Amino acid sequence: MIIKINTLSQIPLYLQLRNQIVKGIGKGESLPTVRQMAADLGINTMTVSKAYQLLKNEGFLYTDRRLGSIVHIPENEEPSSLFQEKLEDELELLSAEARIRGMNLEDFLSLCSKVFVEMEVAVE
């Protein structure tokens, strides 16, 4: 799994890591152990553990005592209303930024479609 962490960002490392892992899961990538991830990125194992725990709480991972953290992709699960509210809020922000920067609706939707299809292929 290729993870990009920006140590100069104001976004906490564990949240950057969480977001990068979600993208990796969406692309069908495998998940390394906490220790391996920490070693690869040169960060504290507690930071990685915090990100993994957040992902577990969100339902993206489950823990098997023998196998460690395993990606969980539920089949045929309807998005919750809480998730839909979160998604709408984030899309509203992205739409506003796109519009402010001069992007038209057709280009915005095309880009959304392209990114969504890339994830769809990996998850199916």
PDB file of N, CA and C in Angstrom:
ATOM      1  N   MET A   1       0.857  -1.175   0.000  1.00  0.00           N
ATOM      2  CA  MET A   1       0.000   0.000   0.000  1.00  0.00           C
ATOM      3  C   MET A   1       0.900   1.233   0.000  1.00  0.00           C
ATOM      4  N   ILE A   2       0.670   2.104  -0.952  1.00  0.00           N
ATOM      5  CA  ILE A   2       1.459   3.327  -1.053  1.00  0.00           C
ATOM      6  C   ILE A   2       0.764   4.417  -0.246  1.00  0.00           C
ATOM      7  N   ILE A   3       1.475   4.925   0.761  1.00  0.00           N
ATOM      8  CA  ILE A   3       0.933   5.937   1.661  1.00  0.00           C
ATOM      9  C   ILE A   3       1.767   7.206   1.519  1.00  0.00           C
ATOM     10  N   LYS A   4       1.077   8.331   1.380  1.00  0.00           N
ATOM     11  CA  LYS A   4       1.745   9.629   1.306  1.00  0.00           C
ATOM     12  C   LYS A   4       1.373  10.430   2.549  1.00  0.00           C
ATOM     13  N   ILE A   5       2.356  10.714   3.377  1.00  0.00           N
ATOM     14  CA  ILE A   5       2.147  11.472   4.603  1.00  0.00           C
ATOM     15  C   ILE A   5       2.906  12.785   4.489  1.00  0.00           C
ATOM     16  N   ASN A   6       2.258  13.872   4.856  1.00  0.00           N
ATOM     17  CA  ASN A   6       2.885  15.189   4.839  1.00  0.00           C
ATOM     18  C   ASN A   6       3.122  15.625   6.284  1.00  0.00           C
ATOM     19  N   THR A   7       4.358  15.548   6.726  1.00  0.00           N
ATOM     20  CA  THR A   7       4.678  15.898   8.113  1.00  0.00           C
ATOM     21  C   THR A   7       4.537  17.391   8.389  1.00  0.00           C
ATOM     22  N   LEU A   8       4.448  18.200   7.351  1.00  0.00           N
ATOM     23  CA  LEU A   8       4.292  19.643   7.529  1.00  0.00           C
ATOM     24  C   LEU A   8       2.824  20.075   7.545  1.00  0.00           C
ATOM     25  N   SER A   9       1.923  19.146   7.245  1.00  0.00           N
ATOM     26  CA  SER A   9       0.495  19.461   7.199  1.00  0.00           C
ATOM     27  C   SER A   9      -0.054  19.709   8.597  1.00  0.00           C
ATOM     28  N   GLN A  10      -1.111  20.513   8.664  1.00  0.00           N
ATOM     29  CA  GLN A  10      -1.792  20.737   9.937  1.00  0.00           C
ATOM     30  C   GLN A  10      -2.754  19.597  10.267  1.00  0.00           C
ATOM     31  N   ILE A  11      -3.018  18.726   9.290  1.00  0.00           N
ATOM     32  CA  ILE A  11      -3.871  17.555   9.519  1.00  0.00           C
ATOM     33  C   ILE A  11      -3.049  16.530  10.298  1.00  0.00           C
ATOM     34  N   PRO A  12      -3.559  16.041  11.427  1.00  0.00           N
ATOM     35  CA  PRO A  12      -2.807  15.064  12.219  1.00  0.00           C
ATOM     36  C   PRO A  12      -2.411  13.847  11.388  1.00  0.00           C
ATOM     37  N   LEU A  13      -1.248  13.289  11.709  1.00  0.00           N
ATOM     38  CA  LEU A  13      -0.736  12.147  10.952  1.00  0.00           C
ATOM     39  C   LEU A  13      -1.711  10.984  10.924  1.00  0.00           C
ATOM     40  N   TYR A  14      -2.359  10.696  12.059  1.00  0.00           N
ATOM     41  CA  TYR A  14      -3.262   9.546  12.091  1.00  0.00           C
ATOM     42  C   TYR A  14      -4.450   9.746  11.149  1.00  0.00           C
ATOM     43  N   LEU A  15      -4.919  10.996  10.967  1.00  0.00           N
ATOM     44  CA  LEU A  15      -6.015  11.256  10.029  1.00  0.00           C
ATOM     45  C   LEU A  15      -5.541  11.178   8.583  1.00  0.00           C
ATOM     46  N   GLN A  16      -4.343  11.679   8.321  1.00  0.00           N
ATOM     47  CA  GLN A  16      -3.781  11.531   6.980  1.00  0.00           C
ATOM     48  C   GLN A  16      -3.643  10.048   6.640  1.00  0.00           C
ATOM     49  N   LEU A  17      -3.162   9.288   7.612  1.00  0.00           N
ATOM     50  CA  LEU A  17      -2.979   7.860   7.423  1.00  0.00           C
ATOM     51  C   LEU A  17      -4.316   7.168   7.203  1.00  0.00           C
ATOM     52  N   ARG A  18      -5.312   7.505   7.993  1.00  0.00           N
ATOM     53  CA  ARG A  18      -6.666   6.941   7.846  1.00  0.00           C
ATOM     54  C   ARG A  18      -7.184   7.182   6.434  1.00  0.00           C
ATOM     55  N   ASN A  19      -7.050   8.419   5.961  1.00  0.00           N
ATOM     56  CA  ASN A  19      -7.558   8.771   4.637  1.00  0.00           C
ATOM     57  C   ASN A  19      -6.817   8.021   3.531  1.00  0.00           C
ATOM     58  N   GLN A  20      -5.510   7.902   3.669  1.00  0.00           N
ATOM     59  CA  GLN A  20      -4.721   7.181   2.666  1.00  0.00           C
ATOM     60  C   GLN A  20      -5.073   5.696   2.653  1.00  0.00           C
ATOM     61  N   ILE A  21      -5.325   5.127   3.841  1.00  0.00           N
ATOM     62  CA  ILE A  21      -5.693   3.709   3.919  1.00  0.00           C
ATOM     63  C   ILE A  21      -7.053   3.472   3.279  1.00  0.00           C
ATOM     64  N   VAL A  22      -8.008   4.374   3.514  1.00  0.00           N
ATOM     65  CA  VAL A  22      -9.335   4.238   2.889  1.00  0.00           C
ATOM     66  C   VAL A  22      -9.190   4.246   1.372  1.00  0.00           C
ATOM     67  N   LYS A  23      -8.361   5.136   0.852  1.00  0.00           N
ATOM     68  CA  LYS A  23      -8.121   5.163  -0.595  1.00  0.00           C
ATOM     69  C   LYS A  23      -7.513   3.849  -1.067  1.00  0.00           C
ATOM     70  N   GLY A  24      -6.569   3.332  -0.309  1.00  0.00           N
ATOM     71  CA  GLY A  24      -5.946   2.057  -0.661  1.00  0.00           C
ATOM     72  C   GLY A  24      -6.937   0.906  -0.632  1.00  0.00           C
ATOM     73  N   ILE A  25      -7.791   0.887   0.396  1.00  0.00           N
ATOM     74  CA  ILE A  25      -8.824  -0.146   0.488  1.00  0.00           C
ATOM     75  C   ILE A  25      -9.741  -0.057  -0.729  1.00  0.00           C
ATOM     76  N   GLY A  26     -10.112   1.172  -1.096  1.00  0.00           N
ATOM     77  CA  GLY A  26     -10.976   1.375  -2.252  1.00  0.00           C
ATOM     78  C   GLY A  26     -10.358   0.890  -3.547  1.00  0.00           C
ATOM     79  N   LYS A  27      -9.035   0.863  -3.581  1.00  0.00           N
ATOM     80  CA  LYS A  27      -8.328   0.403  -4.785  1.00  0.00           C
ATOM     81  C   LYS A  27      -7.942  -1.069  -4.691  1.00  0.00           C
ATOM     82  N   GLY A  28      -8.377  -1.735  -3.604  1.00  0.00           N
ATOM     83  CA  GLY A  28      -8.126  -3.165  -3.458  1.00  0.00           C
ATOM     84  C   GLY A  28      -6.748  -3.523  -2.956  1.00  0.00           C
ATOM     85  N   GLU A  29      -6.043  -2.576  -2.374  1.00  0.00           N
ATOM     86  CA  GLU A  29      -4.700  -2.849  -1.884  1.00  0.00           C
ATOM     87  C   GLU A  29      -4.749  -3.575  -0.547  1.00  0.00           C
ATOM     88  N   SER A  30      -3.708  -4.352  -0.264  1.00  0.00           N
ATOM     89  CA  SER A  30      -3.649  -5.084   0.995  1.00  0.00           C
ATOM     90  C   SER A  30      -3.118  -4.185   2.108  1.00  0.00           C
ATOM     91  N   LEU A  31      -3.385  -4.596   3.335  1.00  0.00           N
ATOM     92  CA  LEU A  31      -3.067  -3.793   4.508  1.00  0.00           C
ATOM     93  C   LEU A  31      -1.887  -4.404   5.255  1.00  0.00           C
ATOM     94  N   PRO A  32      -0.804  -3.635   5.447  1.00  0.00           N
ATOM     95  CA  PRO A  32       0.325  -4.161   6.222  1.00  0.00           C
ATOM     96  C   PRO A  32       0.017  -4.138   7.721  1.00  0.00           C
ATOM     97  N   THR A  33       0.851  -4.790   8.504  1.00  0.00           N
ATOM     98  CA  THR A  33       0.693  -4.751   9.954  1.00  0.00           C
ATOM     99  C   THR A  33       0.998  -3.351  10.468  1.00  0.00           C
ATOM    100  N   VAL A  34       0.581  -3.086  11.685  1.00  0.00           N
ATOM    101  CA  VAL A  34       0.844  -1.789  12.317  1.00  0.00           C
ATOM    102  C   VAL A  34       2.354  -1.536  12.350  1.00  0.00           C
ATOM    103  N   ARG A  35       3.099  -2.529  12.786  1.00  0.00           N
ATOM    104  CA  ARG A  35       4.555  -2.363  12.896  1.00  0.00           C
ATOM    105  C   ARG A  35       5.199  -2.114  11.536  1.00  0.00           C
ATOM    106  N   GLN A  36       4.752  -2.864  10.527  1.00  0.00           N
ATOM    107  CA  GLN A  36       5.323  -2.697   9.193  1.00  0.00           C
ATOM    108  C   GLN A  36       5.010  -1.310   8.642  1.00  0.00           C
ATOM    109  N   MET A  37       3.757  -0.867   8.808  1.00  0.00           N
ATOM    110  CA  MET A  37       3.357   0.461   8.333  1.00  0.00           C
ATOM    111  C   MET A  37       4.185   1.541   9.025  1.00  0.00           C
ATOM    112  N   ALA A  38       4.335   1.429  10.346  1.00  0.00           N
ATOM    113  CA  ALA A  38       5.106   2.419  11.101  1.00  0.00           C
ATOM    114  C   ALA A  38       6.559   2.446  10.626  1.00  0.00           C
ATOM    115  N   ALA A  39       7.136   1.260  10.432  1.00  0.00           N
ATOM    116  CA  ALA A  39       8.526   1.190   9.975  1.00  0.00           C
ATOM    117  C   ALA A  39       8.676   1.771   8.571  1.00  0.00           C
ATOM    118  N   ASP A  40       7.753   1.424   7.678  1.00  0.00           N
ATOM    119  CA  ASP A  40       7.814   1.927   6.302  1.00  0.00           C
ATOM    120  C   ASP A  40       7.725   3.446   6.231  1.00  0.00           C
ATOM    121  N   LEU A  41       6.887   4.022   7.108  1.00  0.00           N
ATOM    122  CA  LEU A  41       6.664   5.466   7.081  1.00  0.00           C
ATOM    123  C   LEU A  41       7.593   6.236   8.022  1.00  0.00           C
ATOM    124  N   GLY A  42       8.263   5.513   8.910  1.00  0.00           N
ATOM    125  CA  GLY A  42       9.150   6.164   9.875  1.00  0.00           C
ATOM    126  C   GLY A  42       8.378   6.950  10.921  1.00  0.00           C
ATOM    127  N   ILE A  43       7.203   6.420  11.324  1.00  0.00           N
ATOM    128  CA  ILE A  43       6.396   7.083  12.344  1.00  0.00           C
ATOM    129  C   ILE A  43       6.148   6.120  13.505  1.00  0.00           C
ATOM    130  N   ASN A  44       5.653   6.658  14.597  1.00  0.00           N
ATOM    131  CA  ASN A  44       5.399   5.886  15.803  1.00  0.00           C
ATOM    132  C   ASN A  44       4.294   4.856  15.584  1.00  0.00           C
ATOM    133  N   THR A  45       4.459   3.671  16.154  1.00  0.00           N
ATOM    134  CA  THR A  45       3.433   2.635  16.027  1.00  0.00           C
ATOM    135  C   THR A  45       2.113   3.064  16.661  1.00  0.00           C
ATOM    136  N   MET A  46       2.162   3.930  17.672  1.00  0.00           N
ATOM    137  CA  MET A  46       0.922   4.397  18.299  1.00  0.00           C
ATOM    138  C   MET A  46       0.103   5.256  17.329  1.00  0.00           C
ATOM    139  N   THR A  47       0.772   5.989  16.459  1.00  0.00           N
ATOM    140  CA  THR A  47       0.078   6.792  15.446  1.00  0.00           C
ATOM    141  C   THR A  47      -0.656   5.872  14.472  1.00  0.00           C
ATOM    142  N   VAL A  48       0.016   4.816  14.035  1.00  0.00           N
ATOM    143  CA  VAL A  48      -0.595   3.847  13.126  1.00  0.00           C
ATOM    144  C   VAL A  48      -1.734   3.126  13.840  1.00  0.00           C
ATOM    145  N   SER A  49      -1.517   2.744  15.090  1.00  0.00           N
ATOM    146  CA  SER A  49      -2.564   2.067  15.875  1.00  0.00           C
ATOM    147  C   SER A  49      -3.805   2.938  16.001  1.00  0.00           C
ATOM    148  N   LYS A  50      -3.600   4.230  16.204  1.00  0.00           N
ATOM    149  CA  LYS A  50      -4.733   5.159  16.324  1.00  0.00           C
ATOM    150  C   LYS A  50      -5.523   5.210  15.019  1.00  0.00           C
ATOM    151  N   ALA A  51      -4.829   5.243  13.894  1.00  0.00           N
ATOM    152  CA  ALA A  51      -5.495   5.252  12.586  1.00  0.00           C
ATOM    153  C   ALA A  51      -6.251   3.940  12.372  1.00  0.00           C
ATOM    154  N   TYR A  52      -5.630   2.807  12.706  1.00  0.00           N
ATOM    155  CA  TYR A  52      -6.272   1.505  12.537  1.00  0.00           C
ATOM    156  C   TYR A  52      -7.503   1.397  13.435  1.00  0.00           C
ATOM    157  N   GLN A  53      -7.408   1.913  14.659  1.00  0.00           N
ATOM    158  CA  GLN A  53      -8.551   1.863  15.571  1.00  0.00           C
ATOM    159  C   GLN A  53      -9.708   2.701  15.029  1.00  0.00           C
ATOM    160  N   LEU A  54      -9.406   3.854  14.478  1.00  0.00           N
ATOM    161  CA  LEU A  54     -10.431   4.699  13.873  1.00  0.00           C
ATOM    162  C   LEU A  54     -11.104   3.958  12.717  1.00  0.00           C
ATOM    163  N   LEU A  55     -10.314   3.308  11.875  1.00  0.00           N
ATOM    164  CA  LEU A  55     -10.852   2.540  10.755  1.00  0.00           C
ATOM    165  C   LEU A  55     -11.692   1.358  11.240  1.00  0.00           C
ATOM    166  N   LYS A  56     -11.274   0.761  12.332  1.00  0.00           N
ATOM    167  CA  LYS A  56     -12.043  -0.336  12.922  1.00  0.00           C
ATOM    168  C   LYS A  56     -13.387   0.178  13.429  1.00  0.00           C
ATOM    169  N   ASN A  57     -13.374   1.320  14.109  1.00  0.00           N
ATOM    170  CA  ASN A  57     -14.612   1.924  14.617  1.00  0.00           C
ATOM    171  C   ASN A  57     -15.564   2.313  13.490  1.00  0.00           C
ATOM    172  N   GLU A  58     -15.005   2.666  12.348  1.00  0.00           N
ATOM    173  CA  GLU A  58     -15.814   3.053  11.193  1.00  0.00           C
ATOM    174  C   GLU A  58     -16.284   1.850  10.371  1.00  0.00           C
ATOM    175  N   GLY A  59     -15.801   0.660  10.728  1.00  0.00           N
ATOM    176  CA  GLY A  59     -16.231  -0.553  10.040  1.00  0.00           C
ATOM    177  C   GLY A  59     -15.393  -0.946   8.834  1.00  0.00           C
ATOM    178  N   PHE A  60     -14.261  -0.287   8.611  1.00  0.00           N
ATOM    179  CA  PHE A  60     -13.404  -0.618   7.472  1.00  0.00           C
ATOM    180  C   PHE A  60     -12.476  -1.794   7.768  1.00  0.00           C
ATOM    181  N   LEU A  61     -12.222  -2.042   9.046  1.00  0.00           N
ATOM    182  CA  LEU A  61     -11.326  -3.119   9.453  1.00  0.00           C
ATOM    183  C   LEU A  61     -11.969  -3.937  10.555  1.00  0.00           C
ATOM    184  N   TYR A  62     -11.520  -5.168  10.681  1.00  0.00           N
ATOM    185  CA  TYR A  62     -11.820  -5.942  11.878  1.00  0.00           C
ATOM    186  C   TYR A  62     -10.537  -6.640  12.284  1.00  0.00           C
ATOM    187  N   THR A  63     -10.468  -7.042  13.531  1.00  0.00           N
ATOM    188  CA  THR A  63      -9.249  -7.631  14.051  1.00  0.00           C
ATOM    189  C   THR A  63      -9.447  -9.103  14.346  1.00  0.00           C
ATOM    190  N   ASP A  64      -8.525  -9.893  13.853  1.00  0.00           N
ATOM    191  CA  ASP A  64      -8.467 -11.323  14.141  1.00  0.00           C
ATOM    192  C   ASP A  64      -7.188 -11.520  14.960  1.00  0.00           C
ATOM    193  N   ARG A  65      -7.306 -12.121  16.118  1.00  0.00           N
ATOM    194  CA  ARG A  65      -6.140 -12.258  17.003  1.00  0.00           C
ATOM    195  C   ARG A  65      -4.976 -12.994  16.337  1.00  0.00           C
ATOM    196  N   ARG A  66      -5.281 -13.901  15.433  1.00  0.00           N
ATOM    197  CA  ARG A  66      -4.226 -14.653  14.765  1.00  0.00           C
ATOM    198  C   ARG A  66      -3.697 -13.942  13.537  1.00  0.00           C
ATOM    199  N   LEU A  67      -4.579 -13.247  12.815  1.00  0.00           N
ATOM    200  CA  LEU A  67      -4.205 -12.666  11.526  1.00  0.00           C
ATOM    201  C   LEU A  67      -3.967 -11.156  11.560  1.00  0.00           C
ATOM    202  N   GLY A  68      -4.354 -10.507  12.656  1.00  0.00           N
ATOM    203  CA  GLY A  68      -4.195  -9.059  12.763  1.00  0.00           C
ATOM    204  C   GLY A  68      -5.371  -8.314  12.173  1.00  0.00           C
ATOM    205  N   SER A  69      -5.135  -7.100  11.698  1.00  0.00           N
ATOM    206  CA  SER A  69      -6.195  -6.265  11.127  1.00  0.00           C
ATOM    207  C   SER A  69      -6.473  -6.681   9.690  1.00  0.00           C
ATOM    208  N   ILE A  70      -7.759  -6.853   9.397  1.00  0.00           N
ATOM    209  CA  ILE A  70      -8.183  -7.314   8.082  1.00  0.00           C
ATOM    210  C   ILE A  70      -9.197  -6.335   7.513  1.00  0.00           C
ATOM    211  N   VAL A  71      -9.059  -6.046   6.232  1.00  0.00           N
ATOM    212  CA  VAL A  71      -9.980  -5.135   5.555  1.00  0.00           C
ATOM    213  C   VAL A  71     -11.375  -5.754   5.532  1.00  0.00           C
ATOM    214  N   HIS A  72     -12.367  -4.926   5.813  1.00  0.00           N
ATOM    215  CA  HIS A  72     -13.766  -5.371   5.795  1.00  0.00           C
ATOM    216  C   HIS A  72     -14.515  -4.554   4.746  1.00  0.00           C
ATOM    217  N   ILE A  73     -14.956  -5.233   3.697  1.00  0.00           N
ATOM    218  CA  ILE A  73     -15.758  -4.579   2.667  1.00  0.00           C
ATOM    219  C   ILE A  73     -17.120  -5.256   2.678  1.00  0.00           C
ATOM    220  N   PRO A  74     -18.109  -4.611   3.317  1.00  0.00           N
ATOM    221  CA  PRO A  74     -19.437  -5.225   3.396  1.00  0.00           C
ATOM    222  C   PRO A  74     -20.095  -5.314   2.027  1.00  0.00           C
ATOM    223  N   GLU A  75     -20.776  -6.421   1.788  1.00  0.00           N
ATOM    224  CA  GLU A  75     -21.462  -6.614   0.515  1.00  0.00           C
ATOM    225  C   GLU A  75     -22.908  -6.152   0.631  1.00  0.00           C
ATOM    226  N   ASN A  76     -23.366  -5.458  -0.388  1.00  0.00           N
ATOM    227  CA  ASN A  76     -24.767  -5.025  -0.488  1.00  0.00           C
ATOM    228  C   ASN A  76     -25.260  -4.252   0.729  1.00  0.00           C
ATOM    229  N   GLU A  77     -24.377  -3.489   1.353  1.00  0.00           N
ATOM    230  CA  GLU A  77     -24.768  -2.693   2.512  1.00  0.00           C
ATOM    231  C   GLU A  77     -25.208  -1.302   2.049  1.00  0.00           C
ATOM    232  N   GLU A  78     -26.365  -0.872   2.500  1.00  0.00           N
ATOM    233  CA  GLU A  78     -26.860   0.466   2.166  1.00  0.00           C
ATOM    234  C   GLU A  78     -26.115   1.506   2.997  1.00  0.00           C
ATOM    235  N   PRO A  79     -25.706   2.620   2.376  1.00  0.00           N
ATOM    236  CA  PRO A  79     -25.046   3.680   3.141  1.00  0.00           C
ATOM    237  C   PRO A  79     -25.984   4.237   4.209  1.00  0.00           C
ATOM    238  N   SER A  80     -25.443   4.461   5.395  1.00  0.00           N
ATOM    239  CA  SER A  80     -26.246   5.016   6.486  1.00  0.00           C
ATOM    240  C   SER A  80     -26.560   6.476   6.197  1.00  0.00           C
ATOM    241  N   SER A  81     -27.569   6.990   6.885  1.00  0.00           N
ATOM    242  CA  SER A  81     -27.926   8.404   6.711  1.00  0.00           C
ATOM    243  C   SER A  81     -26.796   9.295   7.218  1.00  0.00           C
ATOM    244  N   LEU A  82     -26.092   8.856   8.247  1.00  0.00           N
ATOM    245  CA  LEU A  82     -24.961   9.627   8.770  1.00  0.00           C
ATOM    246  C   LEU A  82     -23.862   9.730   7.716  1.00  0.00           C
ATOM    247  N   PHE A  83     -23.580   8.609   7.038  1.00  0.00           N
ATOM    248  CA  PHE A  83     -22.573   8.632   5.981  1.00  0.00           C
ATOM    249  C   PHE A  83     -23.025   9.534   4.833  1.00  0.00           C
ATOM    250  N   GLN A  84     -24.299   9.436   4.470  1.00  0.00           N
ATOM    251  CA  GLN A  84     -24.801  10.262   3.366  1.00  0.00           C
ATOM    252  C   GLN A  84     -24.709  11.748   3.704  1.00  0.00           C
ATOM    253  N   GLU A  85     -24.971  12.110   4.956  1.00  0.00           N
ATOM    254  CA  GLU A  85     -24.824  13.509   5.376  1.00  0.00           C
ATOM    255  C   GLU A  85     -23.370  13.944   5.260  1.00  0.00           C
ATOM    256  N   LYS A  86     -22.452  13.090   5.726  1.00  0.00           N
ATOM    257  CA  LYS A  86     -21.020  13.391   5.641  1.00  0.00           C
ATOM    258  C   LYS A  86     -20.595  13.557   4.185  1.00  0.00           C
ATOM    259  N   LEU A  87     -21.038  12.638   3.341  1.00  0.00           N
ATOM    260  CA  LEU A  87     -20.694  12.684   1.923  1.00  0.00           C
ATOM    261  C   LEU A  87     -21.220  13.963   1.272  1.00  0.00           C
ATOM    262  N   GLU A  88     -22.466  14.303   1.566  1.00  0.00           N
ATOM    263  CA  GLU A  88     -23.053  15.509   0.995  1.00  0.00           C
ATOM    264  C   GLU A  88     -22.284  16.753   1.425  1.00  0.00           C
ATOM    265  N   ASP A  89     -21.898  16.804   2.697  1.00  0.00           N
ATOM    266  CA  ASP A  89     -21.145  17.943   3.211  1.00  0.00           C
ATOM    267  C   ASP A  89     -19.790  18.065   2.503  1.00  0.00           C
ATOM    268  N   GLU A  90     -19.101  16.937   2.338  1.00  0.00           N
ATOM    269  CA  GLU A  90     -17.797  16.963   1.679  1.00  0.00           C
ATOM    270  C   GLU A  90     -17.923  17.297   0.193  1.00  0.00           C
ATOM    271  N   LEU A  91     -18.968  16.759  -0.446  1.00  0.00           N
ATOM    272  CA  LEU A  91     -19.191  17.082  -1.856  1.00  0.00           C
ATOM    273  C   LEU A  91     -19.548  18.557  -2.049  1.00  0.00           C
ATOM    274  N   GLU A  92     -20.287  19.107  -1.093  1.00  0.00           N
ATOM    275  CA  GLU A  92     -20.634  20.529  -1.155  1.00  0.00           C
ATOM    276  C   GLU A  92     -19.372  21.387  -1.112  1.00  0.00           C
ATOM    277  N   LEU A  93     -18.443  21.027  -0.226  1.00  0.00           N
ATOM    278  CA  LEU A  93     -17.185  21.761  -0.132  1.00  0.00           C
ATOM    279  C   LEU A  93     -16.367  21.618  -1.417  1.00  0.00           C
ATOM    280  N   LEU A  94     -16.239  20.387  -1.918  1.00  0.00           N
ATOM    281  CA  LEU A  94     -15.493  20.164  -3.155  1.00  0.00           C
ATOM    282  C   LEU A  94     -16.136  20.891  -4.340  1.00  0.00           C
ATOM    283  N   SER A  95     -17.460  20.878  -4.394  1.00  0.00           N
ATOM    284  CA  SER A  95     -18.178  21.571  -5.470  1.00  0.00           C
ATOM    285  C   SER A  95     -17.934  23.076  -5.402  1.00  0.00           C
ATOM    286  N   ALA A  96     -17.971  23.616  -4.209  1.00  0.00           N
ATOM    287  CA  ALA A  96     -17.731  25.052  -4.038  1.00  0.00           C
ATOM    288  C   ALA A  96     -16.320  25.416  -4.497  1.00  0.00           C
ATOM    289  N   GLU A  97     -15.335  24.609  -4.068  1.00  0.00           N
ATOM    290  CA  GLU A  97     -13.954  24.893  -4.471  1.00  0.00           C
ATOM    291  C   GLU A  97     -13.781  24.766  -5.975  1.00  0.00           C
ATOM    292  N   ALA A  98     -14.395  23.754  -6.572  1.00  0.00           N
ATOM    293  CA  ALA A  98     -14.302  23.571  -8.021  1.00  0.00           C
ATOM    294  C   ALA A  98     -14.914  24.759  -8.760  1.00  0.00           C
ATOM    295  N   ARG A  99     -16.074  25.179  -8.305  1.00  0.00           N
ATOM    296  CA  ARG A  99     -16.757  26.302  -8.954  1.00  0.00           C
ATOM    297  C   ARG A  99     -15.946  27.592  -8.809  1.00  0.00           C
ATOM    298  N   ILE A 100     -15.419  27.840  -7.596  1.00  0.00           N
ATOM    299  CA  ILE A 100     -14.606  29.042  -7.355  1.00  0.00           C
ATOM    300  C   ILE A 100     -13.385  29.062  -8.262  1.00  0.00           C
ATOM    301  N   ARG A 101     -12.822  27.901  -8.524  1.00  0.00           N
ATOM    302  CA  ARG A 101     -11.615  27.811  -9.354  1.00  0.00           C
ATOM    303  C   ARG A 101     -11.932  27.706 -10.847  1.00  0.00           C
ATOM    304  N   GLY A 102     -13.218  27.857 -11.196  1.00  0.00           N
ATOM    305  CA  GLY A 102     -13.598  27.951 -12.599  1.00  0.00           C
ATOM    306  C   GLY A 102     -13.950  26.647 -13.286  1.00  0.00           C
ATOM    307  N   MET A 103     -14.102  25.563 -12.537  1.00  0.00           N
ATOM    308  CA  MET A 103     -14.451  24.285 -13.153  1.00  0.00           C
ATOM    309  C   MET A 103     -15.939  24.263 -13.466  1.00  0.00           C
ATOM    310  N   ASN A 104     -16.290  23.760 -14.641  1.00  0.00           N
ATOM    311  CA  ASN A 104     -17.710  23.668 -14.979  1.00  0.00           C
ATOM    312  C   ASN A 104     -18.287  22.333 -14.498  1.00  0.00           C
ATOM    313  N   LEU A 105     -19.607  22.244 -14.497  1.00  0.00           N
ATOM    314  CA  LEU A 105     -20.307  21.075 -13.983  1.00  0.00           C
ATOM    315  C   LEU A 105     -19.915  19.801 -14.732  1.00  0.00           C
ATOM    316  N   GLU A 106     -19.850  19.885 -16.052  1.00  0.00           N
ATOM    317  CA  GLU A 106     -19.528  18.704 -16.856  1.00  0.00           C
ATOM    318  C   GLU A 106     -18.147  18.148 -16.500  1.00  0.00           C
ATOM    319  N   ASP A 107     -17.150  19.018 -16.368  1.00  0.00           N
ATOM    320  CA  ASP A 107     -15.798  18.572 -16.016  1.00  0.00           C
ATOM    321  C   ASP A 107     -15.758  18.015 -14.596  1.00  0.00           C
ATOM    322  N   PHE A 108     -16.484  18.651 -13.672  1.00  0.00           N
ATOM    323  CA  PHE A 108     -16.532  18.187 -12.287  1.00  0.00           C
ATOM    324  C   PHE A 108     -17.153  16.789 -12.206  1.00  0.00           C
ATOM    325  N   LEU A 109     -18.284  16.608 -12.878  1.00  0.00           N
ATOM    326  CA  LEU A 109     -18.956  15.307 -12.856  1.00  0.00           C
ATOM    327  C   LEU A 109     -18.131  14.235 -13.558  1.00  0.00           C
ATOM    328  N   SER A 110     -17.442  14.612 -14.619  1.00  0.00           N
ATOM    329  CA  SER A 110     -16.575  13.673 -15.325  1.00  0.00           C
ATOM    330  C   SER A 110     -15.442  13.204 -14.419  1.00  0.00           C
ATOM    331  N   LEU A 111     -14.858  14.140 -13.703  1.00  0.00           N
ATOM    332  CA  LEU A 111     -13.784  13.792 -12.772  1.00  0.00           C
ATOM    333  C   LEU A 111     -14.310  12.903 -11.642  1.00  0.00           C
ATOM    334  N   CYS A 112     -15.470  13.243 -11.087  1.00  0.00           N
ATOM    335  CA  CYS A 112     -16.080  12.423 -10.037  1.00  0.00           C
ATOM    336  C   CYS A 112     -16.335  11.014 -10.545  1.00  0.00           C
ATOM    337  N   SER A 113     -16.859  10.915 -11.745  1.00  0.00           N
ATOM    338  CA  SER A 113     -17.161   9.619 -12.336  1.00  0.00           C
ATOM    339  C   SER A 113     -15.893   8.799 -12.533  1.00  0.00           C
ATOM    340  N   LYS A 114     -14.845   9.426 -13.031  1.00  0.00           N
ATOM    341  CA  LYS A 114     -13.570   8.738 -13.271  1.00  0.00           C
ATOM    342  C   LYS A 114     -13.016   8.180 -11.961  1.00  0.00           C
ATOM    343  N   VAL A 115     -12.993   8.990 -10.919  1.00  0.00           N
ATOM    344  CA  VAL A 115     -12.453   8.557  -9.626  1.00  0.00           C
ATOM    345  C   VAL A 115     -13.318   7.446  -9.033  1.00  0.00           C
ATOM    346  N   PHE A 116     -14.623   7.585  -9.127  1.00  0.00           N
ATOM    347  CA  PHE A 116     -15.545   6.586  -8.575  1.00  0.00           C
ATOM    348  C   PHE A 116     -15.376   5.242  -9.280  1.00  0.00           C
ATOM    349  N   VAL A 117     -15.260   5.264 -10.602  1.00  0.00           N
ATOM    350  CA  VAL A 117     -15.107   4.032 -11.371  1.00  0.00           C
ATOM    351  C   VAL A 117     -13.789   3.338 -11.015  1.00  0.00           C
ATOM    352  N   GLU A 118     -12.725   4.100 -10.789  1.00  0.00           N
ATOM    353  CA  GLU A 118     -11.446   3.510 -10.389  1.00  0.00           C
ATOM    354  C   GLU A 118     -11.591   2.744  -9.078  1.00  0.00           C
ATOM    355  N   MET A 119     -12.393   3.256  -8.153  1.00  0.00           N
ATOM    356  CA  MET A 119     -12.622   2.577  -6.880  1.00  0.00           C
ATOM    357  C   MET A 119     -13.559   1.389  -7.072  1.00  0.00           C
ATOM    358  N   GLU A 120     -14.550   1.559  -7.904  1.00  0.00           N
ATOM    359  CA  GLU A 120     -15.561   0.517  -8.134  1.00  0.00           C
ATOM    360  C   GLU A 120     -14.925  -0.759  -8.661  1.00  0.00           C
ATOM    361  N   VAL A 121     -13.993  -0.628  -9.569  1.00  0.00           N
ATOM    362  CA  VAL A 121     -13.334  -1.786 -10.154  1.00  0.00           C
ATOM    363  C   VAL A 121     -12.563  -2.549  -9.085  1.00  0.00           C
ATOM    364  N   ALA A 122     -11.903  -1.838  -8.177  1.00  0.00           N
ATOM    365  CA  ALA A 122     -11.087  -2.477  -7.155  1.00  0.00           C
ATOM    366  C   ALA A 122     -11.923  -3.159  -6.092  1.00  0.00           C
ATOM    367  N   VAL A 123     -13.065  -2.606  -5.742  1.00  0.00           N
ATOM    368  CA  VAL A 123     -13.874  -3.134  -4.645  1.00  0.00           C
ATOM    369  C   VAL A 123     -14.698  -4.328  -5.081  1.00  0.00           C
ATOM    370  N   GLU A 124     -15.106  -4.390  -6.340  1.00  0.00           N
ATOM    371  CA  GLU A 124     -15.961  -5.486  -6.806  1.00  0.00           C
ATOM    372  C   GLU A 124     -15.248  -6.798  -6.893  1.00  0.00           C
TER     373      GLU A 124
END
